[in-house]
C-alpha atoms as a PDB file:
ATOM      1  CA  MET A   1     145.412 117.249 154.830  1.00  0.00           C
ATOM      2  CA  THR A   2     144.180 115.996 158.170  1.00  0.00           C
ATOM      3  CA  SER A   3     140.588 116.045 159.350  1.00  0.00           C
ATOM      4  CA  ASP A   4     141.205 118.862 161.863  1.00  0.00           C
ATOM      5  CA  GLN A   5     142.542 121.230 159.182  1.00  0.00           C
ATOM      6  CA  LYS A   6     140.064 123.255 157.202  1.00  0.00           C
ATOM      7  CA  HIS A   7     140.164 123.120 153.409  1.00  0.00           C
ATOM      8  CA  PRO A   8     141.217 126.537 152.035  1.00  0.00           C
ATOM      9  CA  TYR A   9     138.179 126.678 149.737  1.00  0.00           C
ATOM     10  CA  ALA A  10     135.661 125.080 152.072  1.00  0.00           C
ATOM     11  CA  ASP A  11     133.530 128.214 152.050  1.00  0.00           C
ATOM     12  CA  LEU A  12     133.129 128.008 148.239  1.00  0.00           C
ATOM     13  CA  LEU A  13     132.375 124.295 147.905  1.00  0.00           C
ATOM     14  CA  ASP A  14     128.621 124.637 148.429  1.00  0.00           C
ATOM     15  CA  VAL A  15     128.111 127.924 146.571  1.00  0.00           C
ATOM     16  CA  PRO A  16     126.032 127.533 143.373  1.00  0.00           C
ATOM     17  CA  ARG A  17     127.624 128.407 140.047  1.00  0.00           C
ATOM     18  CA  PRO A  18     126.957 132.014 139.065  1.00  0.00           C
ATOM     19  CA  THR A  19     124.803 132.417 135.955  1.00  0.00           C
ATOM     20  CA  ARG A  20     124.493 135.290 133.525  1.00  0.00           C
ATOM     21  CA  HIS A  21     121.570 135.965 131.283  1.00  0.00           C
ATOM     22  CA  ILE A  22     123.800 137.496 128.606  1.00  0.00           C
ATOM     23  CA  HIS A  23     126.098 134.442 128.339  1.00  0.00           C
ATOM     24  CA  PRO A  24     124.307 131.186 129.159  1.00  0.00           C
ATOM     25  CA  PRO A  25     126.486 128.206 130.153  1.00  0.00           C
ATOM     26  CA  MET A  26     128.050 126.378 127.220  1.00  0.00           C
ATOM     27  CA  PRO A  27     126.725 122.850 126.646  1.00  0.00           C
ATOM     28  CA  LEU A  28     129.096 120.105 127.810  1.00  0.00           C
ATOM     29  CA  GLY A  29     129.505 118.738 124.266  1.00  0.00           C
ATOM     30  CA  ASP A  30     130.726 122.112 123.005  1.00  0.00           C
ATOM     31  CA  ARG A  31     133.016 122.517 125.977  1.00  0.00           C
ATOM     32  CA  ALA A  32     134.559 119.118 125.273  1.00  0.00           C
ATOM     33  CA  ALA A  33     135.095 120.061 121.611  1.00  0.00           C
ATOM     34  CA  GLN A  34     137.327 122.920 122.665  1.00  0.00           C
ATOM     35  CA  PHE A  35     139.850 120.420 123.977  1.00  0.00           C
ATOM     36  CA  ALA A  36     139.592 117.842 121.161  1.00  0.00           C
ATOM     37  CA  PRO A  37     142.769 116.892 119.274  1.00  0.00           C
ATOM     38  CA  PHE A  38     143.636 119.176 116.405  1.00  0.00           C
ATOM     39  CA  ALA A  39     145.024 117.882 113.107  1.00  0.00           C
ATOM     40  CA  ALA A  40     147.080 120.735 111.716  1.00  0.00           C
ATOM     41  CA  LEU A  41     148.045 118.802 108.580  1.00  0.00           C
ATOM     42  CA  THR A  42     144.812 117.516 107.079  1.00  0.00           C
ATOM     43  CA  GLY A  43     145.356 114.219 105.271  1.00  0.00           C
ATOM     44  CA  HIS A  44     148.906 113.763 106.555  1.00  0.00           C
ATOM     45  CA  TYR A  45     148.023 110.723 108.673  1.00  0.00           C
ATOM     46  CA  ALA A  46     146.187 109.116 105.726  1.00  0.00           C
ATOM     47  CA  ALA A  47     149.231 109.705 103.508  1.00  0.00           C
ATOM     48  CA  ILE A  48     151.488 108.034 106.067  1.00  0.00           C
ATOM     49  CA  LEU A  49     149.175 105.013 106.237  1.00  0.00           C
ATOM     50  CA  GLU A  50     149.081 104.791 102.428  1.00  0.00           C
ATOM     51  CA  THR A  51     152.878 104.884 102.234  1.00  0.00           C
ATOM     52  CA  ALA A  52     153.164 102.165 104.869  1.00  0.00           C
ATOM     53  CA  ARG A  53     150.700  99.877 103.053  1.00  0.00           C
ATOM     54  CA  VAL A  54     152.550  96.949 101.506  1.00  0.00           C
ATOM     55  CA  THR A  55     151.832  95.729  97.973  1.00  0.00           C
ATOM     56  CA  GLN A  56     153.155  92.702  96.142  1.00  0.00           C
ATOM     57  CA  SER A  57     154.967  92.899  92.834  1.00  0.00           C
ATOM     58  CA  ARG A  58     153.602  91.045  89.818  1.00  0.00           C
ATOM     59  CA  MET A  59     155.480  87.797  89.264  1.00  0.00           C
ATOM     60  CA  GLN A  60     156.640  86.917  85.763  1.00  0.00           C
ATOM     61  CA  LEU A  61     155.705  83.412  84.650  1.00  0.00           C
ATOM     62  CA  THR A  62     158.292  81.272  82.904  1.00  0.00           C
ATOM     63  CA  GLU A  63     157.570  79.876  79.430  1.00  0.00           C
ATOM     64  CA  ASP A  64     156.842  76.441  80.923  1.00  0.00           C
ATOM     65  CA  GLU A  65     154.386  77.938  83.414  1.00  0.00           C
ATOM     66  CA  LYS A  66     152.685  79.878  80.608  1.00  0.00           C
ATOM     67  CA  GLU A  67     152.332  76.711  78.516  1.00  0.00           C
ATOM     68  CA  GLN A  68     150.896  74.801  81.486  1.00  0.00           C
ATOM     69  CA  LEU A  69     148.432  77.615  82.195  1.00  0.00           C
ATOM     70  CA  ASP A  70     147.429  77.764  78.525  1.00  0.00           C
ATOM     71  CA  TYR A  71     146.840  74.003  78.493  1.00  0.00           C
ATOM     72  CA  LYS A  72     144.624  74.275  81.581  1.00  0.00           C
ATOM     73  CA  GLN A  73     142.642  77.115  79.984  1.00  0.00           C
ATOM     74  CA  GLN A  74     142.125  75.066  76.806  1.00  0.00           C
ATOM     75  CA  LEU A  75     140.930  72.096  78.849  1.00  0.00           C
ATOM     76  CA  LEU A  76     138.477  74.285  80.753  1.00  0.00           C
ATOM     77  CA  HIS A  77     137.301  75.887  77.502  1.00  0.00           C
ATOM     78  CA  ALA A  78     136.601  72.420  76.048  1.00  0.00           C
ATOM     79  CA  HIS A  79     134.408  71.531  79.066  1.00  0.00           C
ATOM     80  CA  VAL A  80     132.776  74.936  79.571  1.00  0.00           C
ATOM     81  CA  ALA A  81     129.277  73.479  78.959  1.00  0.00           C
ATOM     82  CA  GLN A  82     129.657  71.463  82.186  1.00  0.00           C
ATOM     83  CA  ASN A  83     130.412  74.619  84.216  1.00  0.00           C
ATOM     84  CA  PRO A  84     133.367  72.959  85.961  1.00  0.00           C
ATOM     85  CA  ALA A  85     134.458  73.994  89.432  1.00  0.00           C
ATOM     86  CA  VAL A  86     137.653  76.020  89.327  1.00  0.00           C
ATOM     87  CA  THR A  87     139.984  77.845  91.707  1.00  0.00           C
ATOM     88  CA  VAL A  88     141.769  80.846  90.211  1.00  0.00           C
ATOM     89  CA  THR A  89     144.797  82.673  91.611  1.00  0.00           C
ATOM     90  CA  TYR A  90     145.137  86.066  89.972  1.00  0.00           C
ATOM     91  CA  PHE A  91     146.850  89.423  90.353  1.00  0.00           C
ATOM     92  CA  VAL A  92     144.875  92.601  91.097  1.00  0.00           C
ATOM     93  CA  PRO A  93     146.845  95.803  90.376  1.00  0.00           C
ATOM     94  CA  ASP A  94     146.729  98.490  93.071  1.00  0.00           C
ATOM     95  CA  ALA A  95     144.948 101.678  92.031  1.00  0.00           C
ATOM     96  CA  LYS A  96     147.193 103.994  94.060  1.00  0.00           C
ATOM     97  CA  LYS A  97     150.722 102.621  93.895  1.00  0.00           C
ATOM     98  CA  ASP A  98     152.971 100.147  92.109  1.00  0.00           C
ATOM     99  CA  GLY A  99     152.255  96.492  92.669  1.00  0.00           C
ATOM    100  CA  GLY A 100     149.041  94.947  93.879  1.00  0.00           C
ATOM    101  CA  GLU A 101     147.841  91.776  95.551  1.00  0.00           C
ATOM    102  CA  TYR A 102     147.182  88.164  94.660  1.00  0.00           C
ATOM    103  CA  ARG A 103     143.686  86.832  95.255  1.00  0.00           C
ATOM    104  CA  VAL A 104     142.336  83.297  95.223  1.00  0.00           C
ATOM    105  CA  LEU A 105     138.752  82.776  94.090  1.00  0.00           C
ATOM    106  CA  SER A 106     136.723  79.589  93.742  1.00  0.00           C
ATOM    107  CA  GLY A 107     133.593  79.161  91.671  1.00  0.00           C
ATOM    108  CA  HIS A 108     132.110  77.567  88.575  1.00  0.00           C
ATOM    109  CA  LEU A 109     133.250  78.540  85.106  1.00  0.00           C
ATOM    110  CA  ARG A 110     130.686  80.285  82.910  1.00  0.00           C
ATOM    111  CA  GLY A 111     132.992  80.884  79.968  1.00  0.00           C
ATOM    112  CA  ILE A 112     136.265  82.162  78.579  1.00  0.00           C
ATOM    113  CA  ASN A 113     135.975  85.147  76.255  1.00  0.00           C
ATOM    114  CA  ARG A 114     139.104  84.883  74.134  1.00  0.00           C
ATOM    115  CA  TYR A 115     138.343  88.091  72.222  1.00  0.00           C
ATOM    116  CA  ARG A 116     138.125  90.246  75.393  1.00  0.00           C
ATOM    117  CA  ARG A 117     140.621  87.921  77.163  1.00  0.00           C
ATOM    118  CA  ILE A 118     138.289  87.494  80.140  1.00  0.00           C
ATOM    119  CA  PHE A 119     137.743  84.465  82.386  1.00  0.00           C
ATOM    120  CA  CYS A 120     134.069  84.510  83.509  1.00  0.00           C
ATOM    121  CA  LEU A 121     132.629  82.747  86.549  1.00  0.00           C
ATOM    122  CA  MET A 122     128.971  81.915  87.234  1.00  0.00           C
ATOM    123  CA  ASP A 123     128.726  84.566  89.974  1.00  0.00           C
ATOM    124  CA  GLY A 124     129.524  87.282  87.406  1.00  0.00           C
ATOM    125  CA  THR A 125     133.178  87.734  88.337  1.00  0.00           C
ATOM    126  CA  GLU A 126     135.369  88.572  85.351  1.00  0.00           C
ATOM    127  CA  ILE A 127     139.128  88.057  85.584  1.00  0.00           C
ATOM    128  CA  PRO A 128     141.556  89.199  82.863  1.00  0.00           C
ATOM    129  CA  LEU A 129     143.378  86.185  81.411  1.00  0.00           C
ATOM    130  CA  ASP A 130     146.696  88.047  81.584  1.00  0.00           C
ATOM    131  CA  ASP A 131     146.350  88.387  85.382  1.00  0.00           C
ATOM    132  CA  ILE A 132     145.797  84.667  86.071  1.00  0.00           C
ATOM    133  CA  VAL A 133     148.842  82.894  87.514  1.00  0.00           C
ATOM    134  CA  GLU A 134     147.334  79.573  88.628  1.00  0.00           C
ATOM    135  CA  LEU A 135     144.289  77.453  87.808  1.00  0.00           C
ATOM    136  CA  SER A 136     143.135  74.336  89.605  1.00  0.00           C
ATOM    137  CA  SER A 137     140.083  72.198  88.988  1.00  0.00           C
ATOM    138  CA  PRO A 138     138.907  68.645  89.697  1.00  0.00           C
ATOM    139  CA  LEU A 139     138.646  68.399  85.913  1.00  0.00           C
ATOM    140  CA  TYR A 140     142.454  68.243  85.664  1.00  0.00           C
ATOM    141  CA  GLN A 141     142.611  65.108  87.814  1.00  0.00           C
ATOM    142  CA  GLU A 142     140.175  63.325  85.496  1.00  0.00           C
ATOM    143  CA  GLN A 143     142.471  63.842  82.497  1.00  0.00           C
END
């Protein structure tokens, strides 16, 4: 549109918005909500994300690995009074689907409860002995 042509609605551009006392203007926040996205299937997106989430399967230790792990646990149990530093790799089962994840945690050993089969650290963390797949400690290098 050139400058010499008149805009077709030029006469309405400066007219104030008409108001009614019966229906006051809707607040801008409410007007914007009318055009917000609508999720027809509630929870569908969350279900898709849950399905796409990847979990790891629990690895089965060989007999040699189990013996080595048992030896390391016995060595730690013998030196528990020293609260040795230890790094534990263990499996955490997923609450919602098959599998889980492996976590690595470092701390100082408080004790090993053989009756409950729990590995206890000084910070209060308790790890089931059956979920532990690897133990490392400076104590092993001294032996």
